[in-house]
Amino acid sequence: QVQLVESGGGLVQPGGSLKLSCAAPEFILDYYAIGWFRQAPGKEREGVSCISSSDGSTYYPNSVKGRFSISRDNAKNTVYLQMNSLQPEDTAAYYCAADLMRRRCAESGITATDFAYWGQGTQVTVSS
């Protein structure tokens, strides 16, 4: 069973930073866009970043633009999410997944229903 594996979550104070990792099989990184999503209790899963397999282009919603940065290390088969200036509203479980519909991230945004191979998630808690 193919599954992506997230790591790097934890407890951080407001204004702090965390770097999440998403380990994936090589064929997934080669052929599918990879997205990061988050889900807080009682809320819908929200897409926070995407990186294309075709050209490395990226997508961020306004809620995280300028604070989050997605990158990819093909040698390590890993996608990263660098999160800076974290705020309590960023508290959520963070997941990575593959967009089986596209190699290039949709410019209009990413939708969880287009993604598969979800990992177990990693918890990010922003609190003083």
Foldseek 3Di string as FASTA:
>chain_A
DFAKAKDWADEAAAQAKTKMKIAGDLVLLQWWKKWKWWDDPPDDIFTAKIAANPPRDMEGDPVQPPFWDWDDDSVRNMIMIIGGRDDQVVWTWMKMWTQPVHRHDDHVGDDPVRTDNIHPTDTHGYHD
